[in-house]
Amino acid sequence: MINHWYKALLLFIVFLCHRYSCTVGSRFINLNKMAASMKINIRLQLILIIFLKIHYNLASIRKDLFSTKTAYAWTRDEDEIVPENRFMTTDFEGKQCTAVNFQVLLRHGARFPGYKDIRRMNQLHELLKFAVRSEDFQFLQTWESEFPEVHEKQLVDEGEDEQFGLGERFGTSFKQLLTDNMQNVQFYSSSKQRCLDSAMAFYEGITGAILDESFDDLKPVVNNDILRFHADCANYYHSVENNKTHLLFYKKFKYGPELKMVATNVAKRLGLKHAELNAGDLKLIYFWCTFEMIIIGKDDWCHLMTDEEKEVMEYHNDLKQYWKKAYGHHMIGKMACPLVSHMFKLLEEATKTRTSVGSFYFGHAETVAPIYAALGLFNDSQPLTDSNFSAMKHRAFKSSKILQFSANLAIVLYECKDYTESGSFIDDFVIRMFVNEQPVNVPACDRLVCPFVKVKDSYLHHIDDCLSSNICKLPVHDEL
């Protein structure tokens, strides 16, 4: 909600600047002089100066590099105009194909930090408040956390806006398919409240786009088996989560030269004489920057790091996401098979009947990343390690762009009907995949459009052989 007021006020400022011939574009503008030149009253001058300072600070910060805590709006063009039915049709081998079904997975929207991070941040602040000597960070003397523990990990206004907007755009993009068919769309959610709230906000957006009225009577099916498959997977916790050697590269980078340089620079910037900053402290500062920008529109903590230093922090977190939630172990993709199997069985049913036109699933980063691994998406030619930070700057597995808040994956089934023959055949169907509303190559064909049969065959080990009880069962080691 803050963003809407912010934009409205910014438009008002632009109007005033146009009216009074002031220059808004310069970072080095004299804001006091600018306000005074408008010949407006002192109270409005003060409001204007405060607003412009906030605007210039926020505008000068790159926002697309906060890993899994990146706001969805920061990675897309908010001014994009979505044409009606933009993804309803596609061409394949000379045929025009029409969408008949979709399976869409979404991560929940932007949320409050967890209570552990809230407590740790309060502790770090107490340390810095008495240790900092720099006059550039006087906010530390009066700063107080605006995130009560009781709100931990709850969806915030920005998260609701993200999901509402996604619902609107998805409804617009597939309006032809969804009109008169909303009753044939299923909604599934994790049991976590932030996912349920995300589903509701999305539903309000999509019904508004399709029915010209937003409805809030959704009751999604709660299914943790397909959306929190990691939570009860003993083999995952044994092989990955609790495996001390599994995050070797993440831990080595933690004590490597890049992160040490960030710690040195931040300490110097703060004027710290004796206190030292460790990787955990840097991570708190890095994530607190994005939480405050998203939730309350402040950027005080953001200025403790340069954009280049934030890229180092981003890579450090990507190492964790890569090795712990995606490509770090063969069983991570395997344990996602309940959801992959569920999606593809519904897609196959749609090649025979039209009882359903699609499903939406609301889960977590721990849901989305393993699905990427299962489908073979964003798999770089070389793995992320502690020693190839510079070489991997343009990596495919960049969580700020693929695992941000409200990240989404859509698998869409199209029918390429041959009107010279009666009935539909399995060979008449093709698949497209979209990540964050943009088309991506389907791994089975390495192209944007791929025959459904070929895609399904490439995932048979997930679809037909999904015995999650065996996948998640702890391995038995015979003792001699």
Protein backbone atom coordinates (compact mmCIF):
# COMPACT_ATOMS: atom_id res chain seq x y z
CA MET A 1 0.00 0.00 0.00
CA ILE A 2 2.95 2.32 0.72
CA ASN A 3 4.01 2.08 -2.93
CA HIS A 4 0.69 3.47 -4.21
CA TRP A 5 0.89 6.56 -1.96
CA TYR A 6 4.57 6.91 -2.86
CA LYS A 7 3.81 6.91 -6.59
CA ALA A 8 0.94 9.37 -6.20
CA LEU A 9 3.13 11.77 -4.22
CA LEU A 10 5.95 11.39 -6.73
CA LEU A 11 3.58 12.33 -9.57
CA PHE A 12 2.51 15.37 -7.57
CA ILE A 13 6.15 16.38 -7.11
CA VAL A 14 6.79 15.98 -10.84
CA PHE A 15 3.78 18.22 -11.50
CA LEU A 16 5.12 20.86 -9.12
CA CYS A 17 8.54 20.66 -10.70
CA HIS A 18 7.04 21.12 -14.15
CA ARG A 19 4.95 24.04 -12.91
CA TYR A 20 7.91 25.77 -11.25
CA SER A 21 10.68 24.65 -13.64
CA CYS A 22 12.75 22.71 -11.13
CA THR A 23 15.17 19.92 -12.07
CA VAL A 24 14.24 16.54 -10.58
CA GLY A 25 16.73 14.33 -12.37
CA SER A 26 19.98 15.31 -10.67
CA ARG A 27 21.23 13.34 -7.68
CA PHE A 28 23.06 16.46 -6.49
CA ILE A 29 20.15 18.89 -6.53
CA ASN A 30 19.84 21.39 -3.69
CA LEU A 31 16.54 20.20 -2.24
CA ASN A 32 16.10 23.19 0.08
CA LYS A 33 16.58 25.63 -2.78
CA MET A 34 14.26 23.62 -4.97
CA ALA A 35 11.45 23.68 -2.42
CA ALA A 36 11.92 27.38 -1.77
CA SER A 37 11.83 28.21 -5.48
CA MET A 38 8.32 26.82 -5.68
CA LYS A 39 7.05 29.67 -3.50
CA ILE A 40 5.02 27.36 -1.32
CA ASN A 41 4.43 27.51 2.41
CA ILE A 42 7.05 26.37 4.88
CA ARG A 43 5.17 23.27 6.03
CA LEU A 44 4.79 22.00 2.46
CA GLN A 45 8.46 22.83 1.81
CA LEU A 46 9.44 20.62 4.75
CA ILE A 47 7.26 17.74 3.53
CA LEU A 48 8.68 18.15 0.04
CA ILE A 49 12.29 18.13 1.23
CA ILE A 50 11.77 14.99 3.34
CA PHE A 51 10.01 13.21 0.49
CA LEU A 52 12.62 14.11 -2.09
CA LYS A 53 15.46 12.96 0.16
CA ILE A 54 13.72 9.61 0.61
CA HIS A 55 13.09 9.37 -3.12
CA TYR A 56 16.68 10.12 -4.13
CA ASN A 57 18.09 7.71 -1.57
CA LEU A 58 15.80 4.85 -2.62
CA ALA A 59 16.27 5.59 -6.31
CA SER A 60 20.06 5.42 -5.98
CA ILE A 61 20.01 1.86 -4.60
CA ARG A 62 19.99 -1.17 -6.84
CA LYS A 63 17.12 -3.32 -5.62
CA ASP A 64 17.45 -6.40 -7.83
CA LEU A 65 20.17 -8.15 -5.81
CA PHE A 66 18.63 -9.11 -2.47
CA SER A 67 18.48 -12.83 -3.17
CA THR A 68 15.38 -14.57 -1.81
CA LYS A 69 14.29 -11.37 -0.03
CA THR A 70 13.95 -9.35 -3.23
CA ALA A 71 10.57 -7.71 -3.81
CA TYR A 72 8.90 -9.01 -6.98
CA ALA A 73 8.31 -5.48 -8.32
CA TRP A 74 12.05 -4.78 -8.23
CA THR A 75 12.75 -7.36 -10.93
CA ARG A 76 10.03 -6.47 -13.45
CA ASP A 77 8.84 -3.49 -15.44
CA GLU A 78 5.99 -2.08 -13.39
CA ASP A 79 4.88 0.06 -16.34
CA GLU A 80 4.40 -2.98 -18.58
CA ILE A 81 1.01 -3.05 -20.29
CA VAL A 82 -0.35 -6.60 -20.42
CA PRO A 83 -2.33 -7.27 -23.62
CA GLU A 84 -5.49 -9.32 -23.22
CA ASN A 85 -4.93 -13.04 -24.01
CA ARG A 86 -1.20 -12.42 -24.63
CA PHE A 87 -0.27 -16.07 -23.90
CA MET A 88 -3.45 -17.73 -25.17
CA THR A 89 -1.96 -18.86 -28.45
CA THR A 90 1.39 -20.03 -29.77
CA ASP A 91 2.73 -21.35 -33.06
CA PHE A 92 4.30 -24.77 -33.48
CA GLU A 93 5.49 -26.24 -36.78
CA GLY A 94 3.09 -24.17 -38.84
CA LYS A 95 0.09 -24.75 -36.58
CA GLN A 96 -1.60 -22.28 -34.28
CA CYS A 97 -2.08 -23.73 -30.82
CA THR A 98 -4.52 -22.59 -28.10
CA ALA A 99 -4.03 -22.85 -24.33
CA VAL A 100 -6.30 -25.43 -22.70
CA ASN A 101 -4.72 -25.95 -19.27
CA PHE A 102 -2.08 -24.50 -16.96
CA GLN A 103 -0.30 -25.53 -13.78
CA VAL A 104 1.13 -22.54 -11.89
CA LEU A 105 3.37 -22.61 -8.82
CA LEU A 106 3.90 -19.40 -6.84
CA ARG A 107 6.05 -18.55 -3.88
CA HIS A 108 4.23 -16.51 -1.24
CA GLY A 109 4.51 -12.72 -1.35
CA ALA A 110 6.82 -10.43 0.60
CA ARG A 111 6.69 -11.04 4.34
CA PHE A 112 7.96 -9.85 7.71
CA PRO A 113 11.31 -11.26 8.90
CA GLY A 114 11.33 -14.28 11.21
CA TYR A 115 11.50 -13.85 14.96
CA LYS A 116 15.05 -15.21 15.16
CA ASP A 117 16.30 -12.54 12.77
CA ILE A 118 14.31 -9.86 14.63
CA ARG A 119 16.03 -10.80 17.90
CA ARG A 120 19.47 -11.04 16.30
CA MET A 121 19.04 -7.66 14.63
CA ASN A 122 18.13 -6.04 17.96
CA GLN A 123 21.27 -7.57 19.48
CA LEU A 124 23.46 -6.38 16.60
CA HIS A 125 22.00 -2.90 16.90
CA GLU A 126 22.85 -2.73 20.60
CA LEU A 127 26.44 -3.58 19.74
CA LEU A 128 26.70 -1.05 16.92
CA LYS A 129 24.94 1.75 18.78
CA PHE A 130 27.82 2.02 21.26
CA ALA A 131 30.65 1.03 18.93
CA VAL A 132 30.01 3.16 15.83
CA ARG A 133 32.09 6.31 15.58
CA SER A 134 31.05 7.57 12.14
CA GLU A 135 28.81 10.64 12.01
CA ASP A 136 27.27 9.39 8.74
CA PHE A 137 25.15 6.79 10.54
CA GLN A 138 23.57 8.72 13.38
CA PHE A 139 20.31 6.83 12.83
CA LEU A 140 21.85 4.00 14.85
CA GLN A 141 21.50 6.07 18.02
CA THR A 142 17.71 6.24 17.79
CA TRP A 143 16.84 3.26 15.58
CA GLU A 144 14.24 0.80 16.83
CA SER A 145 12.93 -2.24 15.01
CA GLU A 146 9.46 -1.67 13.59
CA PHE A 147 8.86 -5.39 13.18
CA PRO A 148 7.20 -6.96 16.26
CA GLU A 149 7.87 -10.65 16.75
CA VAL A 150 4.15 -11.35 16.76
CA HIS A 151 4.11 -10.50 13.03
CA GLU A 152 7.02 -12.78 12.16
CA LYS A 153 6.85 -14.17 8.61
CA GLN A 154 3.35 -12.77 8.04
CA LEU A 155 2.49 -11.41 4.62
CA VAL A 156 2.95 -7.62 4.33
CA ASP A 157 1.06 -5.11 2.21
CA GLU A 158 3.67 -5.32 -0.55
CA GLY A 159 3.24 -9.10 -0.61
CA GLU A 160 -0.53 -8.73 -1.02
CA ASP A 161 0.03 -6.22 -3.82
CA GLU A 162 2.45 -8.61 -5.55
CA GLN A 163 -0.04 -11.45 -5.51
CA PHE A 164 -3.04 -9.30 -6.44
CA GLY A 165 -1.12 -7.91 -9.41
CA LEU A 166 -0.04 -11.40 -10.49
CA GLY A 167 -3.67 -12.54 -10.36
CA GLU A 168 -4.79 -9.59 -12.46
CA ARG A 169 -2.09 -10.12 -15.07
CA PHE A 170 -2.57 -13.88 -15.23
CA GLY A 171 -6.32 -13.42 -15.65
CA THR A 172 -5.74 -10.89 -18.42
CA SER A 173 -3.15 -13.09 -20.15
CA PHE A 174 -5.50 -16.10 -20.27
CA LYS A 175 -8.88 -14.37 -20.22
CA GLN A 176 -10.29 -16.40 -23.11
CA LEU A 177 -9.57 -19.66 -21.27
CA LEU A 178 -10.80 -18.49 -17.88
CA THR A 179 -13.98 -16.65 -18.82
CA ASP A 180 -16.91 -18.89 -17.79
CA ASN A 181 -14.38 -21.38 -16.40
CA MET A 182 -13.31 -20.02 -13.00
CA GLN A 183 -15.24 -22.86 -11.34
CA ASN A 184 -12.90 -25.27 -13.13
CA VAL A 185 -9.75 -23.82 -11.57
CA GLN A 186 -8.24 -25.42 -8.46
CA PHE A 187 -6.31 -23.57 -5.75
CA TYR A 188 -3.84 -25.40 -3.49
CA SER A 189 -1.84 -23.92 -0.63
CA SER A 190 0.70 -24.79 2.03
CA SER A 191 -0.73 -24.65 5.53
CA LYS A 192 1.35 -21.56 6.36
CA GLN A 193 -0.74 -18.41 6.74
CA ARG A 194 1.47 -16.36 4.40
CA CYS A 195 0.67 -18.84 1.61
CA LEU A 196 -3.06 -18.85 2.38
CA ASP A 197 -3.07 -15.04 2.39
CA SER A 198 -1.14 -14.99 -0.89
CA ALA A 199 -3.71 -17.30 -2.46
CA MET A 200 -6.52 -14.99 -1.32
CA ALA A 201 -4.85 -11.86 -2.70
CA PHE A 202 -4.14 -13.63 -6.01
CA TYR A 203 -7.76 -14.82 -6.17
CA GLU A 204 -9.05 -11.28 -5.65
CA GLY A 205 -6.83 -10.12 -8.52
CA ILE A 206 -7.78 -12.85 -10.97
CA THR A 207 -11.52 -12.67 -10.26
CA GLY A 208 -11.37 -8.91 -10.72
CA ALA A 209 -9.75 -9.41 -14.13
CA ILE A 210 -12.14 -12.17 -15.25
CA LEU A 211 -15.42 -11.32 -13.52
CA ASP A 212 -15.00 -7.53 -13.22
CA GLU A 213 -15.44 -7.90 -9.47
CA SER A 214 -12.92 -9.10 -6.88
CA PHE A 215 -14.11 -11.97 -4.71
CA ASP A 216 -12.67 -13.05 -1.36
CA ASP A 217 -14.55 -16.32 -0.80
CA LEU A 218 -11.65 -18.61 -1.74
CA LYS A 219 -11.07 -21.74 0.32
CA PRO A 220 -7.90 -23.30 -1.12
CA VAL A 221 -7.11 -26.96 -0.61
CA VAL A 222 -4.33 -27.23 1.97
CA ASN A 223 -1.88 -29.87 0.78
CA ASN A 224 1.52 -29.98 2.48
CA ASP A 225 2.37 -33.28 0.78
CA ILE A 226 2.85 -31.48 -2.54
CA LEU A 227 3.81 -28.00 -1.27
CA ARG A 228 5.94 -28.69 1.82
CA PHE A 229 7.39 -32.01 0.73
CA HIS A 230 10.72 -31.10 2.32
CA ALA A 231 9.24 -30.77 5.82
CA ASP A 232 8.72 -34.50 6.43
CA CYS A 233 11.44 -35.90 4.20
CA ALA A 234 13.83 -37.70 6.56
CA ASN A 235 16.33 -38.48 3.79
CA TYR A 236 16.53 -34.79 2.86
CA TYR A 237 17.32 -33.79 6.44
CA HIS A 238 19.86 -36.58 6.70
CA SER A 239 21.55 -36.08 3.31
CA VAL A 240 21.29 -32.30 2.93
CA GLU A 241 19.91 -30.26 5.82
CA ASN A 242 21.97 -31.85 8.59
CA ASN A 243 24.96 -32.85 6.50
CA LYS A 244 27.88 -30.77 7.80
CA THR A 245 29.94 -31.29 4.66
CA HIS A 246 27.12 -30.57 2.26
CA LEU A 247 27.43 -26.77 2.41
CA LEU A 248 31.21 -26.87 2.08
CA PHE A 249 31.41 -24.14 -0.59
CA TYR A 250 28.97 -21.91 1.30
CA LYS A 251 31.08 -22.22 4.46
CA LYS A 252 34.37 -21.69 2.62
CA PHE A 253 33.03 -18.52 0.97
CA LYS A 254 31.92 -17.35 4.42
CA TYR A 255 35.59 -17.11 5.42
CA GLY A 256 36.91 -16.23 1.96
CA PRO A 257 38.53 -13.00 0.71
CA GLU A 258 35.36 -11.52 -0.84
CA LEU A 259 33.31 -11.63 2.36
CA LYS A 260 36.28 -10.52 4.46
CA MET A 261 36.63 -7.48 2.22
CA VAL A 262 32.95 -6.63 2.74
CA ALA A 263 33.37 -6.94 6.51
CA THR A 264 36.45 -4.69 6.43
CA ASN A 265 34.76 -2.06 4.29
CA VAL A 266 31.57 -1.94 6.36
CA ALA A 267 33.54 -1.73 9.62
CA LYS A 268 35.65 1.10 8.19
CA ARG A 269 32.53 2.89 6.96
CA LEU A 270 31.02 2.67 10.44
CA GLY A 271 34.23 3.79 12.09
CA LEU A 272 34.42 0.65 14.22
CA LYS A 273 37.63 0.53 16.24
CA HIS A 274 37.51 -2.76 18.07
CA ALA A 275 34.29 -4.59 17.26
CA GLU A 276 34.47 -7.01 14.34
CA LEU A 277 31.67 -7.91 11.95
CA ASN A 278 31.19 -11.56 11.02
CA ALA A 279 29.26 -13.10 8.13
CA GLY A 280 26.13 -13.38 10.27
CA ASP A 281 26.23 -9.65 11.06
CA LEU A 282 26.66 -8.78 7.40
CA LYS A 283 23.75 -11.01 6.44
CA LEU A 284 21.49 -9.25 8.97
CA ILE A 285 22.47 -5.81 7.65
CA TYR A 286 21.98 -6.98 4.05
CA PHE A 287 18.52 -8.43 4.65
CA TRP A 288 17.41 -5.65 7.01
CA CYS A 289 18.04 -3.22 4.20
CA THR A 290 15.53 -4.98 1.95
CA PHE A 291 12.95 -5.64 4.69
CA GLU A 292 12.85 -1.96 5.66
CA MET A 293 12.66 -0.79 2.05
CA ILE A 294 9.82 -3.20 1.27
CA ILE A 295 7.76 -2.72 4.43
CA ILE A 296 8.31 0.83 5.69
CA GLY A 297 10.06 2.61 2.83
CA LYS A 298 13.31 3.29 4.72
CA ASP A 299 16.81 2.67 3.45
CA ASP A 300 19.04 3.55 6.44
CA TRP A 301 20.72 0.14 6.64
CA CYS A 302 21.18 -0.02 2.87
CA HIS A 303 23.93 2.61 2.87
CA LEU A 304 26.22 0.45 4.99
CA MET A 305 27.07 -1.55 1.86
CA THR A 306 27.80 -0.63 -1.74
CA ASP A 307 26.01 -2.40 -4.58
CA GLU A 308 29.20 -4.35 -5.32
CA GLU A 309 29.32 -5.57 -1.71
CA LYS A 310 25.65 -6.57 -1.90
CA GLU A 311 26.50 -8.68 -4.94
CA VAL A 312 28.97 -10.58 -2.76
CA MET A 313 26.23 -11.11 -0.16
CA GLU A 314 23.83 -12.21 -2.88
CA TYR A 315 26.31 -14.80 -4.16
CA HIS A 316 26.91 -16.09 -0.64
CA ASN A 317 23.18 -16.70 -0.22
CA ASP A 318 22.94 -18.19 -3.72
CA LEU A 319 25.52 -20.78 -2.72
CA LYS A 320 23.17 -21.84 0.06
CA GLN A 321 20.10 -21.92 -2.19
CA TYR A 322 21.94 -23.82 -4.92
CA TRP A 323 23.46 -26.50 -2.74
CA LYS A 324 20.68 -26.82 -0.16
CA LYS A 325 17.49 -26.36 -2.19
CA ALA A 326 18.28 -27.13 -5.81
CA TYR A 327 21.25 -28.78 -7.50
CA GLY A 328 23.41 -29.62 -4.50
CA HIS A 329 22.17 -33.20 -4.13
CA HIS A 330 20.38 -35.54 -6.54
CA MET A 331 17.63 -36.28 -4.05
CA ILE A 332 16.49 -32.61 -3.80
CA GLY A 333 14.88 -32.71 -7.23
CA LYS A 334 13.63 -36.23 -6.57
CA MET A 335 11.75 -35.27 -3.41
CA ALA A 336 9.76 -32.71 -5.44
CA CYS A 337 8.17 -35.52 -7.45
CA PRO A 338 4.79 -35.41 -5.61
CA LEU A 339 4.16 -31.94 -7.05
CA VAL A 340 5.68 -32.68 -10.47
CA SER A 341 3.60 -35.87 -10.71
CA HIS A 342 0.44 -34.04 -9.61
CA MET A 343 0.92 -31.30 -12.21
CA PHE A 344 1.67 -33.59 -15.14
CA LYS A 345 -1.14 -36.01 -14.41
CA LEU A 346 -3.56 -33.06 -14.52
CA LEU A 347 -1.98 -31.88 -17.77
CA GLU A 348 -2.38 -35.35 -19.27
CA GLU A 349 -6.01 -35.49 -18.15
CA ALA A 350 -6.54 -32.20 -19.96
CA THR A 351 -5.50 -33.83 -23.24
CA LYS A 352 -8.55 -36.09 -22.87
CA THR A 353 -11.15 -34.00 -21.03
CA ARG A 354 -11.88 -30.36 -20.15
CA THR A 355 -13.16 -30.89 -16.61
CA SER A 356 -10.33 -28.67 -15.35
CA VAL A 357 -8.60 -25.71 -17.00
CA GLY A 358 -5.84 -25.26 -14.46
CA SER A 359 -4.42 -25.18 -10.96
CA PHE A 360 -2.58 -22.64 -8.80
CA TYR A 361 -0.22 -23.76 -6.04
CA PHE A 362 1.04 -21.43 -3.29
CA GLY A 363 4.22 -22.55 -1.57
CA HIS A 364 7.68 -21.48 -0.49
CA ALA A 365 11.21 -20.97 -1.81
CA GLU A 366 11.74 -24.54 -0.54
CA THR A 367 8.99 -25.59 -2.97
CA VAL A 368 10.07 -23.59 -6.01
CA ALA A 369 13.83 -24.27 -6.00
CA PRO A 370 13.50 -28.10 -5.91
CA ILE A 371 10.94 -27.88 -8.74
CA TYR A 372 13.48 -25.97 -10.83
CA ALA A 373 15.96 -28.77 -10.11
CA ALA A 374 13.42 -31.47 -10.96
CA LEU A 375 12.58 -29.80 -14.29
CA GLY A 376 16.20 -28.90 -15.11
CA LEU A 377 15.68 -25.13 -15.14
CA PHE A 378 18.47 -22.61 -14.42
CA ASN A 379 21.12 -25.32 -14.24
CA ASP A 380 24.42 -23.61 -15.01
CA SER A 381 27.06 -25.49 -16.98
CA GLN A 382 29.31 -25.33 -13.93
CA PRO A 383 28.29 -25.43 -10.28
CA LEU A 384 28.50 -22.44 -7.97
CA THR A 385 31.54 -22.73 -5.70
CA ASP A 386 33.49 -20.56 -3.26
CA SER A 387 36.16 -19.86 -5.87
CA ASN A 388 34.20 -18.78 -8.97
CA PHE A 389 32.30 -15.72 -7.79
CA SER A 390 33.64 -13.50 -10.60
CA ALA A 391 33.11 -16.14 -13.28
CA MET A 392 29.49 -16.69 -12.21
CA LYS A 393 28.31 -13.08 -12.19
CA HIS A 394 26.02 -13.83 -15.12
CA ARG A 395 24.83 -17.17 -13.75
CA ALA A 396 21.40 -18.61 -14.57
CA PHE A 397 20.83 -19.61 -10.94
CA LYS A 398 20.47 -16.09 -9.57
CA SER A 399 17.97 -16.20 -6.72
CA SER A 400 17.19 -12.46 -6.91
CA LYS A 401 15.61 -13.17 -10.30
CA ILE A 402 14.20 -16.69 -9.91
CA LEU A 403 13.48 -17.13 -6.16
CA GLN A 404 12.41 -13.66 -5.10
CA PHE A 405 9.18 -13.06 -3.20
CA SER A 406 6.20 -14.15 -5.36
CA ALA A 407 8.47 -16.02 -7.81
CA ASN A 408 6.29 -18.09 -10.13
CA LEU A 409 6.49 -20.93 -12.63
CA ALA A 410 3.72 -21.66 -15.14
CA ILE A 411 3.52 -24.82 -17.24
CA VAL A 412 0.94 -24.25 -19.99
CA LEU A 413 -0.61 -26.91 -22.23
CA TYR A 414 -1.63 -25.87 -25.75
CA GLU A 415 -3.72 -27.81 -28.24
CA CYS A 416 -2.61 -27.61 -31.88
CA LYS A 417 -5.79 -29.04 -33.34
CA ASP A 418 -5.75 -30.44 -36.86
CA TYR A 419 -9.21 -29.59 -38.16
CA THR A 420 -8.87 -32.09 -41.01
CA GLU A 421 -9.20 -34.89 -38.44
CA SER A 422 -11.93 -35.58 -35.89
CA GLY A 423 -11.08 -35.68 -32.18
CA SER A 424 -7.87 -34.79 -30.37
CA PHE A 425 -4.69 -36.86 -30.22
CA ILE A 426 -1.84 -36.75 -27.72
CA ASP A 427 0.49 -35.51 -30.48
CA ASP A 428 -1.70 -32.42 -30.90
CA PHE A 429 -0.48 -30.90 -27.61
CA VAL A 430 2.59 -28.82 -26.80
CA ILE A 431 4.05 -27.26 -23.66
CA ARG A 432 5.38 -23.80 -22.88
CA MET A 433 7.00 -22.73 -19.61
CA PHE A 434 7.01 -19.26 -18.06
CA VAL A 435 9.07 -18.08 -15.10
CA ASN A 436 8.06 -14.79 -13.53
CA GLU A 437 5.68 -14.17 -16.44
CA GLN A 438 8.41 -14.53 -19.06
CA PRO A 439 8.80 -17.48 -21.47
CA VAL A 440 11.78 -19.78 -20.89
CA ASN A 441 13.13 -22.67 -22.91
CA VAL A 442 11.55 -26.02 -22.12
CA PRO A 443 14.52 -28.22 -21.08
CA ALA A 444 13.25 -31.31 -22.94
CA CYS A 445 13.63 -29.49 -26.28
CA ASP A 446 15.77 -26.49 -25.33
CA ARG A 447 13.26 -24.30 -27.13
CA LEU A 448 10.21 -22.24 -26.18
CA VAL A 449 7.63 -24.76 -27.44
CA CYS A 450 7.96 -28.52 -27.01
CA PRO A 451 5.62 -31.48 -27.72
CA PHE A 452 3.80 -32.60 -24.59
CA VAL A 453 4.78 -36.24 -25.15
CA LYS A 454 8.47 -35.37 -25.25
CA VAL A 455 8.22 -33.23 -22.10
CA LYS A 456 6.29 -35.89 -20.22
CA ASP A 457 8.73 -38.63 -21.25
CA SER A 458 11.66 -36.58 -19.98
CA TYR A 459 10.05 -36.45 -16.51
CA LEU A 460 8.72 -40.01 -16.29
CA HIS A 461 11.05 -40.73 -13.37
CA HIS A 462 9.18 -38.03 -11.46
CA ILE A 463 5.68 -38.80 -12.77
CA ASP A 464 5.31 -42.58 -12.87
CA ASP A 465 8.00 -43.60 -10.40
CA CYS A 466 7.15 -41.17 -7.62
CA LEU A 467 7.25 -43.22 -4.46
CA SER A 468 7.95 -40.40 -2.03
CA SER A 469 8.03 -42.81 0.89
CA ASN A 470 11.07 -44.49 -0.68
CA ILE A 471 12.71 -41.23 -1.74
CA CYS A 472 12.40 -39.77 1.73
CA LYS A 473 13.18 -42.97 3.59
CA LEU A 474 16.53 -42.94 5.33
CA PRO A 475 19.12 -45.14 3.60
CA VAL A 476 19.96 -48.34 5.42
CA HIS A 477 23.65 -49.14 5.87
CA ASP A 478 24.43 -52.79 6.57
CA GLU A 479 26.98 -53.31 9.27
CA LEU A 480 29.52 -56.09 8.82
